[in-house]
Amino acid sequence: MNILQINSSARSTGSASTRLADAIVARVRNSKPETTLVRRDLAAEPHPVLDEATLQALFTPADKRTAEQAARIAQDDALIAQVQAADVIVIGAPMYNFGITVQLKSWFDAIARANVTFKYTENGPVGLLTGKKVYVGLSRGGLHRDGVTDSQVPFLNTMFRFLGMTDVQYVYSEGMGMGADAVAKAQALADAEINAILV
């Protein structure tokens, strides 16, 4: 089994969402010892944003790209290869201003490529990243679960379905900005959720 862990906090240390992702990975590995783990920290290794130069490179045939364009696309290719090789994907996703981080958005922008990870058909788009299990550890300063202020989960569900990943489970750690007691409660509830979904 190949596990891909994506840490999308802007912080490389002390991140609540990374703690969740680490805990999920540890439980998966305990249940299936014969695993390999690839961990990508998007704070330590920030991925370039999707800009005009990148779009030009993407829409230039591979054999006509400049060396600079080829190098830029190779960065996205590396992320795509990691996802394609993974059986289990674990994402640590903090909420910043009601949404995902720019780091995680750049990751999605990199891996969503027509005719590689999805394709358009006469019946609509079809995701090509099928057969994968996805766990997402969500950390939030406030309480947003199932509420109108949670734009994270709807976006993530849309992206996962679009790319063909339909087996997705979320673990929540909320109220992290509401004092020490709230943090302790949130962490205990998150640990209980992990134990429940990873029996």
C-alpha atoms as a PDB file:
ATOM      1  CA  MET A   1       0.000   0.000   0.000  1.00  0.00           C
ATOM      2  CA  ASN A   2       1.269   3.465  -0.920  1.00  0.00           C
ATOM      3  CA  ILE A   3       0.251   6.404   1.270  1.00  0.00           C
ATOM      4  CA  LEU A   4       0.562  10.021   0.157  1.00  0.00           C
ATOM      5  CA  GLN A   5       0.370  12.597   2.946  1.00  0.00           C
ATOM      6  CA  ILE A   6      -0.212  16.228   2.005  1.00  0.00           C
ATOM      7  CA  ASN A   7       0.353  18.830   4.721  1.00  0.00           C
ATOM      8  CA  SER A   8      -1.215  22.068   3.522  1.00  0.00           C
ATOM      9  CA  SER A   9      -0.780  24.353   6.516  1.00  0.00           C
ATOM     10  CA  ALA A  10       1.296  27.487   6.035  1.00  0.00           C
ATOM     11  CA  ARG A  11       3.254  26.280   9.078  1.00  0.00           C
ATOM     12  CA  SER A  12       5.720  23.406   8.908  1.00  0.00           C
ATOM     13  CA  THR A  13       5.653  22.958  12.700  1.00  0.00           C
ATOM     14  CA  GLY A  14       2.920  23.229  15.304  1.00  0.00           C
ATOM     15  CA  SER A  15       0.058  22.741  12.862  1.00  0.00           C
ATOM     16  CA  ALA A  16      -3.168  21.199  14.187  1.00  0.00           C
ATOM     17  CA  SER A  17      -4.092  19.886  10.741  1.00  0.00           C
ATOM     18  CA  THR A  18      -0.686  18.226  10.357  1.00  0.00           C
ATOM     19  CA  ARG A  19      -1.186  16.598  13.757  1.00  0.00           C
ATOM     20  CA  LEU A  20      -4.449  15.140  12.444  1.00  0.00           C
ATOM     21  CA  ALA A  21      -2.838  13.933   9.225  1.00  0.00           C
ATOM     22  CA  ASP A  22       0.027  12.345  11.183  1.00  0.00           C
ATOM     23  CA  ALA A  23      -2.446  10.563  13.466  1.00  0.00           C
ATOM     24  CA  ILE A  24      -4.460   9.226  10.533  1.00  0.00           C
ATOM     25  CA  VAL A  25      -1.323   7.992   8.766  1.00  0.00           C
ATOM     26  CA  ALA A  26      -0.116   6.297  11.957  1.00  0.00           C
ATOM     27  CA  ARG A  27      -3.414   4.405  12.301  1.00  0.00           C
ATOM     28  CA  VAL A  28      -3.409   3.360   8.645  1.00  0.00           C
ATOM     29  CA  ARG A  29       0.157   2.096   8.952  1.00  0.00           C
ATOM     30  CA  ASN A  30      -0.647   0.230  12.169  1.00  0.00           C
ATOM     31  CA  SER A  31      -3.438  -1.663  10.432  1.00  0.00           C
ATOM     32  CA  LYS A  32      -1.392  -2.293   7.299  1.00  0.00           C
ATOM     33  CA  PRO A  33       2.326  -2.456   8.226  1.00  0.00           C
ATOM     34  CA  GLU A  34       3.471  -3.146   4.662  1.00  0.00           C
ATOM     35  CA  THR A  35       3.148   0.441   3.499  1.00  0.00           C
ATOM     36  CA  THR A  36       5.272   3.107   1.911  1.00  0.00           C
ATOM     37  CA  LEU A  37       4.763   6.741   2.836  1.00  0.00           C
ATOM     38  CA  VAL A  38       5.439   9.838   0.753  1.00  0.00           C
ATOM     39  CA  ARG A  39       4.980  13.024   2.744  1.00  0.00           C
ATOM     40  CA  ARG A  40       4.786  16.405   1.027  1.00  0.00           C
ATOM     41  CA  ASP A  41       4.872  19.536   3.188  1.00  0.00           C
ATOM     42  CA  LEU A  42       3.528  22.375   1.072  1.00  0.00           C
ATOM     43  CA  ALA A  43       4.938  24.953   3.482  1.00  0.00           C
ATOM     44  CA  ALA A  44       8.459  23.568   3.345  1.00  0.00           C
ATOM     45  CA  GLU A  45       8.133  22.829  -0.388  1.00  0.00           C
ATOM     46  CA  PRO A  46       5.685  25.424  -1.722  1.00  0.00           C
ATOM     47  CA  HIS A  47       4.351  24.649  -5.168  1.00  0.00           C
ATOM     48  CA  PRO A  48       4.158  27.476  -7.720  1.00  0.00           C
ATOM     49  CA  VAL A  49       0.745  29.022  -8.257  1.00  0.00           C
ATOM     50  CA  LEU A  50      -1.092  28.634 -11.529  1.00  0.00           C
ATOM     51  CA  ASP A  51      -0.179  31.802 -13.441  1.00  0.00           C
ATOM     52  CA  GLU A  52      -0.164  32.991 -17.046  1.00  0.00           C
ATOM     53  CA  ALA A  53       3.255  31.525 -17.804  1.00  0.00           C
ATOM     54  CA  THR A  54       2.143  28.128 -16.513  1.00  0.00           C
ATOM     55  CA  LEU A  55      -1.036  28.222 -18.582  1.00  0.00           C
ATOM     56  CA  GLN A  56       1.008  29.040 -21.676  1.00  0.00           C
ATOM     57  CA  ALA A  57       3.301  26.103 -20.930  1.00  0.00           C
ATOM     58  CA  LEU A  58       0.352  23.742 -20.428  1.00  0.00           C
ATOM     59  CA  PHE A  59      -1.206  24.734 -23.748  1.00  0.00           C
ATOM     60  CA  THR A  60       2.083  24.445 -25.627  1.00  0.00           C
ATOM     61  CA  PRO A  61       2.713  20.996 -27.174  1.00  0.00           C
ATOM     62  CA  ALA A  62       5.368  19.150 -25.181  1.00  0.00           C
ATOM     63  CA  ASP A  63       7.801  19.030 -28.111  1.00  0.00           C
ATOM     64  CA  LYS A  64       7.553  22.797 -28.585  1.00  0.00           C
ATOM     65  CA  ARG A  65       8.035  23.910 -24.988  1.00  0.00           C
ATOM     66  CA  THR A  66      11.016  25.954 -23.964  1.00  0.00           C
ATOM     67  CA  ALA A  67      13.365  24.540 -21.345  1.00  0.00           C
ATOM     68  CA  GLU A  68      11.765  26.851 -18.781  1.00  0.00           C
ATOM     69  CA  GLN A  69       8.254  25.711 -19.724  1.00  0.00           C
ATOM     70  CA  ALA A  70       9.271  22.052 -19.600  1.00  0.00           C
ATOM     71  CA  ALA A  71      10.791  22.524 -16.153  1.00  0.00           C
ATOM     72  CA  ARG A  72       7.612  24.185 -14.876  1.00  0.00           C
ATOM     73  CA  ILE A  73       5.352  21.408 -16.188  1.00  0.00           C
ATOM     74  CA  ALA A  74       7.715  18.812 -14.743  1.00  0.00           C
ATOM     75  CA  GLN A  75       6.945  20.220 -11.295  1.00  0.00           C
ATOM     76  CA  ASP A  76       3.246  19.507 -11.809  1.00  0.00           C
ATOM     77  CA  ASP A  77       4.043  16.116 -13.352  1.00  0.00           C
ATOM     78  CA  ALA A  78       5.826  15.124 -10.146  1.00  0.00           C
ATOM     79  CA  LEU A  79       2.748  15.873  -8.035  1.00  0.00           C
ATOM     80  CA  ILE A  80       0.497  14.014 -10.464  1.00  0.00           C
ATOM     81  CA  ALA A  81       2.773  10.964 -10.358  1.00  0.00           C
ATOM     82  CA  GLN A  82       2.618  10.940  -6.558  1.00  0.00           C
ATOM     83  CA  VAL A  83      -1.184  10.962  -6.606  1.00  0.00           C
ATOM     84  CA  GLN A  84      -1.399   8.315  -9.311  1.00  0.00           C
ATOM     85  CA  ALA A  85       0.891   6.010  -7.323  1.00  0.00           C
ATOM     86  CA  ALA A  86      -1.011   6.439  -4.054  1.00  0.00           C
ATOM     87  CA  ASP A  87      -3.564   3.966  -2.731  1.00  0.00           C
ATOM     88  CA  VAL A  88      -4.382   6.164   0.260  1.00  0.00           C
ATOM     89  CA  ILE A  89      -4.230   9.964   0.332  1.00  0.00           C
ATOM     90  CA  VAL A  90      -4.187  11.804   3.663  1.00  0.00           C
ATOM     91  CA  ILE A  91      -4.547  15.581   3.643  1.00  0.00           C
ATOM     92  CA  GLY A  92      -4.106  17.955   6.550  1.00  0.00           C
ATOM     93  CA  ALA A  93      -6.324  20.937   5.729  1.00  0.00           C
ATOM     94  CA  PRO A  94      -6.635  23.948   8.028  1.00  0.00           C
ATOM     95  CA  MET A  95      -9.354  26.510   7.436  1.00  0.00           C
ATOM     96  CA  TYR A  96      -8.060  29.965   6.538  1.00  0.00           C
ATOM     97  CA  ASN A  97     -10.722  32.637   6.082  1.00  0.00           C
ATOM     98  CA  PHE A  98     -13.428  29.979   5.598  1.00  0.00           C
ATOM     99  CA  GLY A  99     -11.588  28.114   2.834  1.00  0.00           C
ATOM    100  CA  ILE A 100      -8.618  25.923   2.056  1.00  0.00           C
ATOM    101  CA  THR A 101      -5.103  27.322   2.071  1.00  0.00           C
ATOM    102  CA  VAL A 102      -3.453  28.749  -1.028  1.00  0.00           C
ATOM    103  CA  GLN A 103      -0.946  25.921  -0.678  1.00  0.00           C
ATOM    104  CA  LEU A 104      -3.657  23.278  -1.055  1.00  0.00           C
ATOM    105  CA  LYS A 105      -5.351  25.167  -3.881  1.00  0.00           C
ATOM    106  CA  SER A 106      -2.048  25.225  -5.781  1.00  0.00           C
ATOM    107  CA  TRP A 107      -1.754  21.457  -5.239  1.00  0.00           C
ATOM    108  CA  PHE A 108      -5.209  20.874  -6.712  1.00  0.00           C
ATOM    109  CA  ASP A 109      -4.422  23.217  -9.615  1.00  0.00           C
ATOM    110  CA  ALA A 110      -1.313  21.166 -10.313  1.00  0.00           C
ATOM    111  CA  ILE A 111      -2.927  17.724 -10.225  1.00  0.00           C
ATOM    112  CA  ALA A 112      -6.122  18.582 -12.132  1.00  0.00           C
ATOM    113  CA  ARG A 113      -5.039  18.086 -15.747  1.00  0.00           C
ATOM    114  CA  ALA A 114      -7.312  17.254 -18.654  1.00  0.00           C
ATOM    115  CA  ASN A 115      -6.756  13.813 -20.215  1.00  0.00           C
ATOM    116  CA  VAL A 116      -4.427  12.873 -17.368  1.00  0.00           C
ATOM    117  CA  THR A 117      -6.400  13.017 -14.112  1.00  0.00           C
ATOM    118  CA  PHE A 118      -9.801  13.760 -15.671  1.00  0.00           C
ATOM    119  CA  LYS A 119     -11.314  13.865 -19.133  1.00  0.00           C
ATOM    120  CA  TYR A 120     -14.277  15.537 -20.761  1.00  0.00           C
ATOM    121  CA  THR A 121     -16.841  13.326 -22.477  1.00  0.00           C
ATOM    122  CA  GLU A 122     -20.150  13.946 -24.205  1.00  0.00           C
ATOM    123  CA  ASN A 123     -21.765  13.022 -20.875  1.00  0.00           C
ATOM    124  CA  GLY A 124     -19.624  15.404 -18.847  1.00  0.00           C
ATOM    125  CA  PRO A 125     -16.283  15.177 -17.041  1.00  0.00           C
ATOM    126  CA  VAL A 126     -14.974  11.828 -15.825  1.00  0.00           C
ATOM    127  CA  GLY A 127     -12.346  11.548 -13.086  1.00  0.00           C
ATOM    128  CA  LEU A 128      -9.399   9.255 -13.741  1.00  0.00           C
ATOM    129  CA  LEU A 129      -7.957   9.036 -10.209  1.00  0.00           C
ATOM    130  CA  THR A 130     -10.215   6.179  -9.163  1.00  0.00           C
ATOM    131  CA  GLY A 131      -9.834   3.433  -6.573  1.00  0.00           C
ATOM    132  CA  LYS A 132      -8.216   5.608  -3.914  1.00  0.00           C
ATOM    133  CA  LYS A 133      -9.120   6.104  -0.265  1.00  0.00           C
ATOM    134  CA  VAL A 134      -8.938   9.711   0.931  1.00  0.00           C
ATOM    135  CA  TYR A 135      -8.828  10.990   4.509  1.00  0.00           C
ATOM    136  CA  VAL A 136      -8.886  14.718   5.277  1.00  0.00           C
ATOM    137  CA  GLY A 137      -7.999  16.156   8.679  1.00  0.00           C
ATOM    138  CA  LEU A 138      -9.741  19.506   9.034  1.00  0.00           C
ATOM    139  CA  SER A 139      -8.683  22.026  11.692  1.00  0.00           C
ATOM    140  CA  ARG A 140     -10.657  25.193  12.350  1.00  0.00           C
ATOM    141  CA  GLY A 141     -10.376  28.022  14.855  1.00  0.00           C
ATOM    142  CA  GLY A 142     -14.168  28.214  15.200  1.00  0.00           C
ATOM    143  CA  LEU A 143     -17.143  25.891  14.822  1.00  0.00           C
ATOM    144  CA  HIS A 144     -18.213  25.422  11.200  1.00  0.00           C
ATOM    145  CA  ARG A 145     -19.072  21.746  10.698  1.00  0.00           C
ATOM    146  CA  ASP A 146     -22.207  21.311   8.544  1.00  0.00           C
ATOM    147  CA  GLY A 147     -22.841  25.056   8.717  1.00  0.00           C
ATOM    148  CA  VAL A 148     -23.152  27.806   6.120  1.00  0.00           C
ATOM    149  CA  THR A 149     -19.661  29.068   6.974  1.00  0.00           C
ATOM    150  CA  ASP A 150     -18.037  25.806   5.880  1.00  0.00           C
ATOM    151  CA  SER A 151     -17.034  26.336   2.258  1.00  0.00           C
ATOM    152  CA  GLN A 152     -14.115  23.928   2.637  1.00  0.00           C
ATOM    153  CA  VAL A 153     -15.911  20.598   2.548  1.00  0.00           C
ATOM    154  CA  PRO A 154     -18.205  21.440  -0.408  1.00  0.00           C
ATOM    155  CA  PHE A 155     -15.169  22.575  -2.423  1.00  0.00           C
ATOM    156  CA  LEU A 156     -13.131  19.522  -1.470  1.00  0.00           C
ATOM    157  CA  ASN A 157     -16.019  17.171  -2.282  1.00  0.00           C
ATOM    158  CA  THR A 158     -16.385  18.805  -5.699  1.00  0.00           C
ATOM    159  CA  MET A 159     -12.678  18.495  -6.468  1.00  0.00           C
ATOM    160  CA  PHE A 160     -12.421  14.895  -5.288  1.00  0.00           C
ATOM    161  CA  ARG A 161     -15.476  13.795  -7.291  1.00  0.00           C
ATOM    162  CA  PHE A 162     -14.240  15.675 -10.351  1.00  0.00           C
ATOM    163  CA  LEU A 163     -10.943  13.777 -10.187  1.00  0.00           C
ATOM    164  CA  GLY A 164     -12.622  10.404  -9.571  1.00  0.00           C
ATOM    165  CA  MET A 165     -12.000  10.073  -5.825  1.00  0.00           C
ATOM    166  CA  THR A 166     -15.304   9.155  -4.228  1.00  0.00           C
ATOM    167  CA  ASP A 167     -14.238   7.311  -1.053  1.00  0.00           C
ATOM    168  CA  VAL A 168     -13.524  10.303   1.193  1.00  0.00           C
ATOM    169  CA  GLN A 169     -13.748  10.654   4.972  1.00  0.00           C
ATOM    170  CA  TYR A 170     -13.276  13.795   7.058  1.00  0.00           C
ATOM    171  CA  VAL A 171     -11.959  14.187  10.593  1.00  0.00           C
ATOM    172  CA  TYR A 172     -12.749  17.473  12.334  1.00  0.00           C
ATOM    173  CA  SER A 173     -10.799  19.408  14.947  1.00  0.00           C
ATOM    174  CA  GLU A 174     -12.835  22.552  15.594  1.00  0.00           C
ATOM    175  CA  GLY A 175     -12.727  25.357  18.124  1.00  0.00           C
ATOM    176  CA  MET A 176      -8.943  25.476  18.080  1.00  0.00           C
ATOM    177  CA  GLY A 177      -8.998  29.240  18.619  1.00  0.00           C
ATOM    178  CA  MET A 178     -11.437  29.150  21.532  1.00  0.00           C
ATOM    179  CA  GLY A 179      -9.113  28.486  24.451  1.00  0.00           C
ATOM    180  CA  ALA A 180      -7.179  25.612  26.021  1.00  0.00           C
ATOM    181  CA  ASP A 181     -10.250  23.654  27.111  1.00  0.00           C
ATOM    182  CA  ALA A 182     -11.743  23.856  23.627  1.00  0.00           C
ATOM    183  CA  VAL A 183      -8.455  22.702  22.094  1.00  0.00           C
ATOM    184  CA  ALA A 184      -8.283  19.689  24.418  1.00  0.00           C
ATOM    185  CA  LYS A 185     -11.907  18.806  23.626  1.00  0.00           C
ATOM    186  CA  ALA A 186     -11.366  19.203  19.877  1.00  0.00           C
ATOM    187  CA  GLN A 187      -8.302  16.984  19.914  1.00  0.00           C
ATOM    188  CA  ALA A 188     -10.074  14.308  21.950  1.00  0.00           C
ATOM    189  CA  LEU A 189     -13.070  14.318  19.596  1.00  0.00           C
ATOM    190  CA  ALA A 190     -10.786  14.142  16.559  1.00  0.00           C
ATOM    191  CA  ASP A 191      -8.873  11.218  18.047  1.00  0.00           C
ATOM    192  CA  ALA A 192     -12.182   9.455  18.713  1.00  0.00           C
ATOM    193  CA  GLU A 193     -13.239  10.018  15.087  1.00  0.00           C
ATOM    194  CA  ILE A 194      -9.967   8.564  13.844  1.00  0.00           C
ATOM    195  CA  ASN A 195     -10.436   5.519  16.052  1.00  0.00           C
ATOM    196  CA  ALA A 196     -13.996   5.096  14.778  1.00  0.00           C
ATOM    197  CA  ILE A 197     -13.202   5.252  11.057  1.00  0.00           C
ATOM    198  CA  LEU A 198      -9.941   3.293  11.295  1.00  0.00           C
ATOM    199  CA  VAL A 199     -11.020   0.309  13.323  1.00  0.00           C
END
